Amino acid sequence: MKVSNYLALLSLLLSSALLASEVNGIAREDALGYENNSSLGDYISKIKKDQFNYDYEKNEAESSKLRDSWIAPLNLQYSHSKSNPYTDEQTSQSAAIKMDQPIFQSGGIYYGIKYANASKKYSDYSVDVAKRKMIKDAISFLMQIKQSDLRIQRQKLQIKNSEISLEQKKEQYLNGQLDSGFLDNAIIERNIVIQNLYDIETAKERLISSFSTLSDLDYETVSIPHLELLNKEEFLKHNIILKMADSKIEQDEYNKNVTIAKYLPAVNLTAGYNWSKSENNKFSSSMSSFSEEKDYYDYGFRATMPININTFRDIESAKIDFLKSSLVKEDNKIQLDALFNQVMQNLDNLDKKKLLSMQNKDIYSKLLADTKSLYRAGYKTEYDVNLLDNSVKISELDSKIYEIDKQLELLTLYEMYVNN
């Protein structure tokens, strides 16, 4: 009893040490192939990265276009015509440069520029979210592939144990110690674990196919990242979903101000330069022809203020969008808080399962040592030794499988966690 308690305490200490390693960020690379110092973005292919880079570049172009939209274009005009209503052919030419530039829009120009910058930030976050989702999927596939390798090893050990059990049942049946029903059950159990192996292998191939569509890396040689445990404060502080919500609030606030300014007084500077030239002009067939060329300029200003029946409705709609975006952020906080708590609960359960597998290993190891002694004394068979040896290895693999399960849980948080 004291030995059992000692083993349980030792397993608990080992589990606590592993958890402390995660919390304190101790760099390590163990038998599972963990790698701490790699960038998560390196797990997606170059083609995928280039596509996201084009998205960022388009956001920049669209933002610049929107930011400078208050600058009115210069209108250039030129015309050239010929006619022959009389004997001589008449030629007319004209050219003009016109400008109608807003210089005051009751704050609309300022808020329009701010709105363009906020829109770019929101669009970039939208791309970030999609990129992080793809990175998360790629790493998740890779982790599951590594986990499948462990499950395959585990399943092969279970097959060995089922074959040992079948051999034992055969001997007992032939010695008249069991009826055929027990032998049939042993055969069925063996077939089931073999079929489960095939299922695991098939699932692994699907994961490999999915991973290859997202990454250029070789799944056989690349290491999976080791994700550290996050606290809730850090998770929410550097959360890309909340940052995106903040940018949406900022965008809607500036859009509200732009909408209000749209219905307030505006002043435009107007200016122009005009040139015209005509040759062989005459007003009747009896008159002599003459030519004329002239040019002139004009400038001034234009003040406007629209009176629209939908003014207050338009402004109210923009205000509602702003108020709603603030509520969306609060709702996101609630959902992210619940998600973090759920992940922490899942990690706690996985720690318990891992501890149980370590305790099982200790129990099987003790039984294996005793069984080997009894085997040497002639009281146990080689079947008993092999069965327990496989059980020890299965417990070891269970511990590693649960460790990857923990990493998959943390990956759910890291999908939204960006600390630049």
Protein backbone atom coordinates (compact mmCIF):
# COMPACT_ATOMS: atom_id res chain seq x y z
CA MET A 1 0.00 0.00 0.00
CA LYS A 2 2.84 2.36 0.87
CA VAL A 3 4.57 1.53 -2.42
CA SER A 4 1.38 2.29 -4.36
CA ASN A 5 0.97 5.63 -2.60
CA TYR A 6 4.60 6.46 -3.28
CA LEU A 7 4.19 5.72 -6.99
CA ALA A 8 1.05 7.84 -7.18
CA LEU A 9 2.84 10.74 -5.48
CA LEU A 10 5.80 10.38 -7.85
CA SER A 11 3.50 10.43 -10.89
CA LEU A 12 1.77 13.55 -9.57
CA LEU A 13 5.12 15.29 -9.09
CA LEU A 14 6.19 14.37 -12.63
CA SER A 15 2.94 15.71 -14.06
CA SER A 16 3.32 18.94 -12.07
CA ALA A 17 6.86 19.33 -13.34
CA LEU A 18 5.66 19.03 -16.93
CA LEU A 19 2.98 21.65 -16.34
CA ALA A 20 5.50 23.99 -14.73
CA SER A 21 7.70 23.54 -17.78
CA GLU A 22 4.83 24.77 -19.96
CA VAL A 23 4.01 27.73 -17.73
CA ASN A 24 7.60 28.93 -17.44
CA GLY A 25 8.32 28.47 -21.13
CA ILE A 26 11.24 26.08 -20.78
CA ALA A 27 12.53 25.32 -24.28
CA ARG A 28 12.71 21.65 -25.06
CA GLU A 29 12.56 19.13 -27.87
CA ASP A 30 11.52 15.66 -26.76
CA ALA A 31 10.55 12.31 -28.23
CA LEU A 32 7.35 13.78 -29.66
CA GLY A 33 9.36 16.08 -31.91
CA TYR A 34 8.42 19.40 -30.30
CA GLU A 35 10.07 22.56 -31.54
CA ASN A 36 9.75 25.84 -29.67
CA ASN A 37 11.68 28.39 -31.69
CA SER A 38 9.91 28.20 -35.03
CA SER A 39 7.45 30.75 -36.35
CA LEU A 40 3.94 29.34 -36.64
CA GLY A 41 3.60 31.07 -40.01
CA ASP A 42 6.36 28.85 -41.41
CA TYR A 43 3.99 25.89 -41.44
CA ILE A 44 1.96 27.12 -44.42
CA SER A 45 3.24 26.98 -47.99
CA LYS A 46 4.89 29.82 -49.91
CA ILE A 47 1.96 29.91 -52.33
CA LYS A 48 -0.44 30.48 -49.43
CA LYS A 49 1.79 33.20 -47.95
CA ASP A 50 2.00 34.95 -51.34
CA GLN A 51 -1.77 34.92 -51.65
CA PHE A 52 -2.13 36.58 -48.24
CA ASN A 53 0.57 39.11 -49.17
CA TYR A 54 -1.46 40.07 -52.24
CA ASP A 55 -4.48 40.53 -49.99
CA TYR A 56 -2.48 42.93 -47.81
CA GLU A 57 -1.25 44.80 -50.88
CA LYS A 58 -4.79 45.14 -52.19
CA ASN A 59 -5.90 46.50 -48.80
CA GLU A 60 -3.14 49.10 -49.05
CA ALA A 61 -4.20 50.10 -52.56
CA GLU A 62 -7.89 50.30 -51.65
CA SER A 63 -7.08 52.34 -48.55
CA SER A 64 -4.95 54.80 -50.52
CA LYS A 65 -7.71 55.16 -53.09
CA LEU A 66 -10.30 55.81 -50.37
CA ARG A 67 -8.01 58.15 -48.40
CA ASP A 68 -7.39 60.39 -51.42
CA SER A 69 -10.93 60.26 -52.79
CA TRP A 70 -11.61 63.84 -51.51
CA ILE A 71 -9.06 65.17 -54.02
CA ALA A 72 -11.10 66.08 -57.09
CA PRO A 73 -9.72 65.23 -60.54
CA LEU A 74 -8.71 67.87 -63.06
CA ASN A 75 -11.02 67.69 -66.05
CA LEU A 76 -9.21 68.15 -69.37
CA GLN A 77 -11.29 68.80 -72.47
CA TYR A 78 -10.37 69.25 -76.12
CA SER A 79 -12.48 69.29 -79.25
CA HIS A 80 -11.69 69.67 -82.94
CA SER A 81 -14.30 69.96 -85.66
CA LYS A 82 -14.53 70.73 -89.36
CA SER A 83 -17.55 71.76 -91.42
CA ASN A 84 -18.32 73.12 -94.90
CA PRO A 85 -21.69 74.85 -94.85
CA TYR A 86 -20.32 77.29 -97.41
CA THR A 87 -17.60 77.20 -100.04
CA ASP A 88 -14.63 77.19 -97.68
CA GLU A 89 -14.08 74.52 -95.05
CA GLN A 90 -14.37 75.90 -91.50
CA THR A 91 -12.27 74.58 -88.58
CA SER A 92 -12.96 74.99 -84.86
CA GLN A 93 -10.83 73.95 -81.89
CA SER A 94 -11.36 74.36 -78.16
CA ALA A 95 -9.63 73.21 -74.98
CA ALA A 96 -10.33 73.65 -71.28
CA ILE A 97 -8.99 72.70 -67.87
CA LYS A 98 -11.59 72.62 -65.09
CA MET A 99 -11.14 72.15 -61.33
CA ASP A 100 -13.86 71.79 -58.70
CA GLN A 101 -11.91 70.97 -55.52
CA PRO A 102 -13.54 70.54 -52.07
CA ILE A 103 -11.62 72.59 -49.48
CA PHE A 104 -14.10 72.44 -46.59
CA GLN A 105 -16.67 69.78 -45.76
CA SER A 106 -17.42 70.43 -42.06
CA GLY A 107 -14.83 67.88 -41.01
CA GLY A 108 -15.74 65.39 -43.69
CA ILE A 109 -12.29 65.49 -45.31
CA TYR A 110 -10.51 64.79 -41.99
CA TYR A 111 -12.87 62.01 -40.97
CA GLY A 112 -12.78 60.55 -44.47
CA ILE A 113 -9.00 60.13 -44.23
CA LYS A 114 -9.35 58.60 -40.76
CA TYR A 115 -12.07 56.27 -42.05
CA ALA A 116 -9.81 55.09 -44.89
CA ASN A 117 -7.00 54.27 -42.46
CA ALA A 118 -9.39 52.48 -40.09
CA SER A 119 -10.84 50.51 -43.01
CA LYS A 120 -7.36 49.32 -43.99
CA LYS A 121 -6.66 48.22 -40.42
CA TYR A 122 -9.95 46.28 -40.30
CA SER A 123 -9.28 44.67 -43.69
CA ASP A 124 -5.77 43.67 -42.61
CA TYR A 125 -7.17 42.05 -39.47
CA SER A 126 -9.68 40.17 -41.63
CA VAL A 127 -6.78 38.77 -43.65
CA ASP A 128 -4.91 38.02 -40.41
CA VAL A 129 -7.84 36.00 -39.10
CA ALA A 130 -8.04 33.95 -42.29
CA LYS A 131 -4.27 33.43 -42.26
CA ARG A 132 -4.23 32.35 -38.60
CA LYS A 133 -7.06 29.92 -39.33
CA MET A 134 -5.02 28.33 -42.13
CA ILE A 135 -1.90 28.18 -39.94
CA LYS A 136 -3.93 26.54 -37.19
CA ASP A 137 -5.35 23.97 -39.63
CA ALA A 138 -1.88 23.12 -41.00
CA ILE A 139 -0.38 22.65 -37.52
CA SER A 140 -3.43 20.72 -36.35
CA PHE A 141 -3.10 18.31 -39.28
CA LEU A 142 0.61 17.88 -38.53
CA MET A 143 -0.03 17.24 -34.82
CA GLN A 144 -2.72 14.71 -35.66
CA ILE A 145 -0.35 12.97 -38.08
CA LYS A 146 2.25 12.65 -35.32
CA GLN A 147 -0.49 11.47 -33.00
CA SER A 148 -1.61 8.92 -35.59
CA ASP A 149 1.90 7.47 -35.61
CA LEU A 150 1.64 6.98 -31.86
CA ARG A 151 -1.85 5.49 -32.19
CA ILE A 152 -0.58 3.09 -34.85
CA GLN A 153 2.22 1.95 -32.54
CA ARG A 154 -0.29 1.57 -29.74
CA GLN A 155 -2.72 -0.35 -31.91
CA LYS A 156 -0.01 -2.75 -33.07
CA LEU A 157 0.77 -3.49 -29.41
CA GLN A 158 -2.91 -4.12 -28.78
CA ILE A 159 -2.94 -6.49 -31.75
CA LYS A 160 0.00 -8.35 -30.23
CA ASN A 161 -1.88 -8.58 -26.93
CA SER A 162 -5.02 -9.82 -28.70
CA GLU A 163 -2.94 -12.45 -30.50
CA ILE A 164 -1.41 -13.52 -27.20
CA SER A 165 -4.88 -13.72 -25.68
CA LEU A 166 -6.04 -15.75 -28.68
CA GLU A 167 -3.15 -18.20 -28.30
CA GLN A 168 -3.93 -18.59 -24.61
CA LYS A 169 -7.59 -19.26 -25.41
CA LYS A 170 -6.60 -21.82 -28.04
CA GLU A 171 -4.47 -23.74 -25.55
CA GLN A 172 -7.19 -23.58 -22.91
CA TYR A 173 -9.80 -24.74 -25.45
CA LEU A 174 -7.63 -27.64 -26.62
CA ASN A 175 -7.00 -28.61 -22.98
CA GLY A 176 -10.73 -28.62 -22.34
CA GLN A 177 -10.58 -25.64 -19.97
CA LEU A 178 -12.80 -23.35 -22.14
CA ASP A 179 -15.66 -23.86 -24.53
CA SER A 180 -15.63 -22.63 -28.14
CA GLY A 181 -17.59 -19.45 -27.27
CA PHE A 182 -14.60 -17.93 -25.48
CA LEU A 183 -12.37 -18.81 -28.41
CA ASP A 184 -14.79 -17.16 -30.86
CA ASN A 185 -14.82 -13.97 -28.75
CA ALA A 186 -11.01 -13.87 -28.75
CA ILE A 187 -10.98 -14.17 -32.56
CA ILE A 188 -13.58 -11.40 -32.87
CA GLU A 189 -11.61 -9.13 -30.52
CA ARG A 190 -8.47 -9.72 -32.56
CA ASN A 191 -10.29 -8.85 -35.80
CA ILE A 192 -11.70 -5.67 -34.25
CA VAL A 193 -8.30 -4.31 -33.17
CA ILE A 194 -6.84 -5.12 -36.60
CA GLN A 195 -9.72 -3.29 -38.31
CA ASN A 196 -9.16 -0.35 -35.97
CA LEU A 197 -5.54 -0.23 -37.14
CA TYR A 198 -6.70 -0.02 -40.74
CA ASP A 199 -9.05 2.83 -39.78
CA ILE A 200 -6.24 4.73 -38.07
CA GLU A 201 -3.96 4.28 -41.08
CA THR A 202 -6.71 5.49 -43.43
CA ALA A 203 -7.37 8.53 -41.26
CA LYS A 204 -3.64 9.30 -41.23
CA GLU A 205 -3.51 9.30 -45.04
CA ARG A 206 -6.39 11.78 -45.10
CA LEU A 207 -4.51 14.02 -42.69
CA ILE A 208 -1.36 13.81 -44.81
CA SER A 209 -3.36 14.81 -47.89
CA SER A 210 -4.93 17.77 -46.05
CA PHE A 211 -1.56 18.89 -44.67
CA SER A 212 0.10 18.73 -48.10
CA THR A 213 -2.47 21.16 -49.53
CA LEU A 214 -1.50 23.78 -46.93
CA SER A 215 2.22 23.28 -46.38
CA ASP A 216 5.47 22.71 -48.28
CA LEU A 217 7.03 20.93 -45.30
CA ASP A 218 7.77 17.22 -45.09
CA TYR A 219 5.48 15.82 -42.42
CA GLU A 220 7.90 12.98 -41.74
CA THR A 221 10.82 15.22 -40.74
CA VAL A 222 9.30 18.49 -39.53
CA SER A 223 8.83 18.99 -35.80
CA ILE A 224 5.58 20.17 -34.28
CA PRO A 225 5.71 23.42 -32.29
CA HIS A 226 5.58 23.35 -28.51
CA LEU A 227 2.87 25.78 -27.39
CA GLU A 228 3.17 27.30 -23.94
CA LEU A 229 0.28 27.64 -21.52
CA LEU A 230 -1.38 31.08 -21.72
CA ASN A 231 -3.08 33.00 -18.94
CA LYS A 232 -6.43 34.62 -19.59
CA GLU A 233 -5.13 38.18 -19.31
CA GLU A 234 -2.50 37.63 -22.02
CA PHE A 235 -4.95 35.72 -24.20
CA LEU A 236 -7.46 38.58 -24.18
CA LYS A 237 -4.85 41.34 -24.38
CA HIS A 238 -3.25 39.97 -27.55
CA ASN A 239 -6.38 38.47 -29.09
CA ILE A 240 -6.76 39.09 -32.80
CA ILE A 241 -10.56 38.81 -32.64
CA LEU A 242 -10.75 41.64 -30.10
CA LYS A 243 -8.23 43.72 -32.04
CA MET A 244 -10.37 43.25 -35.13
CA ALA A 245 -13.46 44.28 -33.12
CA ASP A 246 -11.62 47.43 -31.95
CA SER A 247 -10.76 48.34 -35.53
CA LYS A 248 -14.40 47.82 -36.53
CA ILE A 249 -15.53 50.19 -33.77
CA GLU A 250 -13.01 52.77 -34.98
CA GLN A 251 -14.12 52.32 -38.59
CA ASP A 252 -17.82 52.70 -37.75
CA GLU A 253 -17.16 55.76 -35.57
CA TYR A 254 -15.37 57.57 -38.40
CA ASN A 255 -18.04 56.46 -40.86
CA LYS A 256 -20.68 57.99 -38.59
CA ASN A 257 -18.79 61.31 -38.60
CA VAL A 258 -18.35 61.16 -42.38
CA THR A 259 -22.09 60.55 -42.77
CA ILE A 260 -22.95 63.55 -40.57
CA ALA A 261 -20.51 65.81 -42.45
CA LYS A 262 -22.10 64.77 -45.74
CA TYR A 263 -25.21 66.78 -44.81
CA LEU A 264 -23.39 69.88 -43.50
CA PRO A 265 -22.13 72.92 -45.45
CA ALA A 266 -19.29 72.34 -47.92
CA VAL A 267 -17.13 74.76 -49.86
CA ASN A 268 -15.42 73.99 -53.17
CA LEU A 269 -12.73 75.98 -54.97
CA THR A 270 -13.52 76.29 -58.67
CA ALA A 271 -11.11 77.34 -61.40
CA GLY A 272 -10.66 76.91 -65.12
CA TYR A 273 -8.72 77.86 -68.20
CA ASN A 274 -10.39 77.99 -71.63
CA TRP A 275 -8.96 78.30 -75.15
CA SER A 276 -10.67 78.33 -78.52
CA LYS A 277 -9.63 78.88 -82.12
CA SER A 278 -11.66 79.04 -85.29
CA GLU A 279 -10.55 79.40 -88.93
CA ASN A 280 -12.39 80.41 -92.14
CA ASN A 281 -15.51 81.29 -90.20
CA LYS A 282 -18.31 83.23 -91.98
CA PHE A 283 -21.95 83.80 -91.10
CA SER A 284 -23.23 83.65 -94.72
CA SER A 285 -21.99 82.72 -98.16
CA SER A 286 -21.65 86.38 -99.12
CA MET A 287 -19.45 87.33 -96.18
CA SER A 288 -15.71 87.11 -96.19
CA SER A 289 -14.10 84.54 -93.90
CA PHE A 290 -12.21 85.39 -90.73
CA SER A 291 -10.23 83.60 -88.04
CA GLU A 292 -10.38 84.06 -84.30
CA GLU A 293 -8.38 82.76 -81.32
CA LYS A 294 -9.02 83.58 -77.66
CA ASP A 295 -8.32 82.28 -74.19
CA TYR A 296 -9.51 83.19 -70.71
CA TYR A 297 -9.61 81.91 -67.15
CA ASP A 298 -12.18 81.83 -64.38
CA TYR A 299 -12.03 81.08 -60.66
CA GLY A 300 -14.20 81.29 -57.60
CA PHE A 301 -15.84 79.17 -54.97
CA ARG A 302 -19.04 77.22 -54.57
CA ALA A 303 -20.89 76.64 -51.28
CA THR A 304 -23.44 73.85 -50.93
CA MET A 305 -25.59 72.28 -48.25
CA PRO A 306 -27.87 69.40 -49.22
CA ILE A 307 -31.40 69.22 -47.90
CA ASN A 308 -32.42 65.56 -48.02
CA ILE A 309 -35.49 63.90 -46.59
CA ASN A 310 -33.36 60.87 -45.58
CA THR A 311 -30.65 62.88 -43.79
CA PHE A 312 -31.57 61.88 -40.25
CA ARG A 313 -32.31 58.29 -41.27
CA ASP A 314 -28.89 57.96 -42.88
CA ILE A 315 -27.16 59.44 -39.83
CA GLU A 316 -29.18 57.24 -37.48
CA SER A 317 -28.24 54.14 -39.47
CA ALA A 318 -24.53 55.02 -39.19
CA LYS A 319 -24.91 55.59 -35.42
CA ILE A 320 -26.59 52.20 -35.03
CA ASP A 321 -23.69 50.50 -36.83
CA PHE A 322 -21.28 52.17 -34.39
CA LEU A 323 -23.31 51.16 -31.32
CA LYS A 324 -23.69 47.61 -32.60
CA SER A 325 -19.94 47.19 -33.21
CA SER A 326 -19.33 48.11 -29.55
CA LEU A 327 -21.79 45.42 -28.46
CA VAL A 328 -20.18 42.89 -30.79
CA LYS A 329 -16.86 43.43 -29.05
CA GLU A 330 -18.43 42.82 -25.63
CA ASP A 331 -20.08 39.69 -26.99
CA ASN A 332 -16.73 38.53 -28.36
CA LYS A 333 -15.18 38.98 -24.92
CA ILE A 334 -17.86 36.79 -23.36
CA GLN A 335 -17.36 34.07 -25.97
CA LEU A 336 -13.55 34.19 -25.72
CA ASP A 337 -13.72 34.06 -21.93
CA ALA A 338 -15.92 30.96 -22.15
CA LEU A 339 -13.61 29.42 -24.76
CA PHE A 340 -10.55 29.98 -22.56
CA ASN A 341 -12.28 28.44 -19.54
CA GLN A 342 -13.35 25.43 -21.62
CA VAL A 343 -9.81 24.89 -22.91
CA MET A 344 -8.44 25.11 -19.37
CA GLN A 345 -11.01 22.54 -18.24
CA ASN A 346 -10.07 20.26 -21.12
CA LEU A 347 -6.37 20.61 -20.26
CA ASP A 348 -7.13 19.73 -16.65
CA ASN A 349 -8.97 16.58 -17.74
CA LEU A 350 -6.13 15.62 -20.06
CA ASP A 351 -3.65 16.08 -17.21
CA LYS A 352 -5.75 13.67 -15.17
CA LYS A 353 -5.80 11.14 -18.01
CA LYS A 354 -2.07 11.52 -18.49
CA LEU A 355 -1.48 11.02 -14.79
CA LEU A 356 -3.66 7.89 -14.89
CA SER A 357 -1.63 6.49 -17.80
CA MET A 358 1.58 7.14 -15.85
CA GLN A 359 0.11 5.38 -12.83
CA ASN A 360 -0.91 2.46 -15.05
CA LYS A 361 2.62 2.29 -16.38
CA ASP A 362 3.97 2.11 -12.84
CA ILE A 363 1.53 -0.67 -11.98
CA TYR A 364 2.30 -2.65 -15.15
CA SER A 365 6.04 -2.14 -14.64
CA LYS A 366 5.82 -3.58 -11.12
CA LEU A 367 3.70 -6.51 -12.35
CA LEU A 368 6.12 -7.08 -15.22
CA ALA A 369 9.10 -7.25 -12.87
CA ASP A 370 7.25 -9.74 -10.61
CA THR A 371 6.04 -11.79 -13.60
CA LYS A 372 9.56 -12.05 -15.02
CA SER A 373 10.71 -13.43 -11.66
CA LEU A 374 7.84 -15.95 -11.65
CA TYR A 375 8.58 -16.82 -15.30
CA ARG A 376 12.19 -17.61 -14.45
CA ALA A 377 10.88 -19.77 -11.58
CA GLY A 378 8.54 -21.58 -13.98
CA TYR A 379 5.25 -20.26 -12.56
CA LYS A 380 4.37 -17.92 -15.48
CA THR A 381 4.52 -18.26 -19.25
CA GLU A 382 6.25 -16.14 -21.86
CA TYR A 383 2.77 -15.03 -22.91
CA ASP A 384 2.29 -13.37 -19.50
CA VAL A 385 5.62 -11.54 -19.76
CA ASN A 386 4.96 -10.26 -23.29
CA LEU A 387 1.40 -9.23 -22.43
CA LEU A 388 2.56 -7.05 -19.53
CA ASP A 389 5.53 -5.68 -21.47
CA ASN A 390 3.17 -4.52 -24.21
CA SER A 391 0.87 -2.98 -21.59
CA VAL A 392 3.78 -0.92 -20.22
CA LYS A 393 4.54 0.37 -23.71
CA ILE A 394 0.85 1.14 -24.35
CA SER A 395 0.74 3.26 -21.18
CA GLU A 396 3.82 5.17 -22.33
CA LEU A 397 2.20 5.85 -25.70
CA ASP A 398 -1.03 6.94 -23.99
CA SER A 399 0.93 9.57 -22.09
CA LYS A 400 2.42 10.94 -25.34
CA ILE A 401 -0.96 10.90 -27.08
CA TYR A 402 -2.49 12.94 -24.26
CA GLU A 403 0.40 15.41 -24.50
CA ILE A 404 -0.45 16.06 -28.16
CA ASP A 405 -4.11 16.37 -27.20
CA LYS A 406 -3.05 19.15 -24.85
CA GLN A 407 -1.15 20.87 -27.64
CA LEU A 408 -4.23 20.66 -29.87
CA GLU A 409 -6.27 22.34 -27.14
CA LEU A 410 -3.70 25.12 -26.80
CA LEU A 411 -3.68 25.50 -30.58
CA THR A 412 -7.31 26.63 -30.32
CA LEU A 413 -6.11 29.60 -28.26
CA TYR A 414 -3.01 30.28 -30.36
CA GLU A 415 -5.17 30.63 -33.45
CA MET A 416 -6.36 33.94 -31.98
CA TYR A 417 -3.27 34.90 -29.97
CA VAL A 418 -0.83 37.25 -31.69
CA ASN A 419 1.83 38.93 -29.57
CA ASN A 420 3.99 41.07 -31.83
